[in-house]
């Protein structure tokens, strides 16, 4: 019997050989390493060969939701992603919000460990305990939204969630991100470059399996109470998202200007959350099991971006940022 909130299964996929297998870790591991990033660190320390080339087939790419993900408890909707960083040569440990992690958890696995390197572009299709390696030749070089929509179309399911590397990852840009749900990013350490080096364009997931919880009669009321009574001292996070921290960090000289080399940004008012809310904010989006709604969906009036995939023309001289992308916030505001 697996620990509540887990399946007791890690999925390993070797892109070089085309093989996959399931590891069944002991319950003690879940009790010690409840979070996704903790599990990523453990698996890298255990399985990564010494001296592995970050952009070579020996590197591992790991996706790991935590024990709480999929339980509907507020704040549990983030999953860990990790590998050996091509940018630093050390551990690359990041996390992302959105809905991919919840969907992956419902496929019946607690982690995905990708080994090896595909000969040609490929993507993984994971659904309800089954996994398939599929060709991604037709997806290579495409934008994130186009890739997600194409996969949903060919698999005939709009509820599929996709994590992927973009064109930067394909070209092994050392700070490339892994993007899921089109606009959520595991942005640290160049994980998109690792994904691209493996010729792995995407991981598509669809799960309809109900996560085993030890005592659902207790967790469900707790989740509902937390969502109904959520309070935070960081009210700017609820009202404006992370951009709301610009004005609050300025008086204490804590802005990370020029990669933390300067503590102050002279034009901070022009990119503040307050100005965004007053001028171009249309609505807010959220992640799985999260009451904050910090993802901003904005509007830009006029502009120089007619060919950008981030914008769609709705009427003359008015351009609305596609909700699928959500931003960019700073560019449209400033």
Foldseek 3Di string as FASTA:
>chain_A
DAAFLALQWEWEAEQAVRDIDIDRDDNVVCVVQQAQLSVQVVCCVVQQDPPDQLLFQSKKWKKFQGSCQLLLAAPRFKIWIWIQFNVPRHIWIFIKFAEQVNFQRQLRHGMYIYGGAHPAAWEWEGENVDIGIGHCPVVAQDAPVVNLVVVCVVVVHNPKKKWFWHNCLLVLPRQTWTDILRAMTRGTRRSSVNCNSRSYGMYIGGHDHRGGGPCSVPSVVNRVVCLVPPDDPPLCCQQQNPLQCLVVQAVVLCDCPPNNPGSHDVVSVLQHSVLQNVPWFDAFADGRSHNRRRQTFTWAFADDPPPDPQWDDPDPRTIGGPVSHSDDRRVRRD
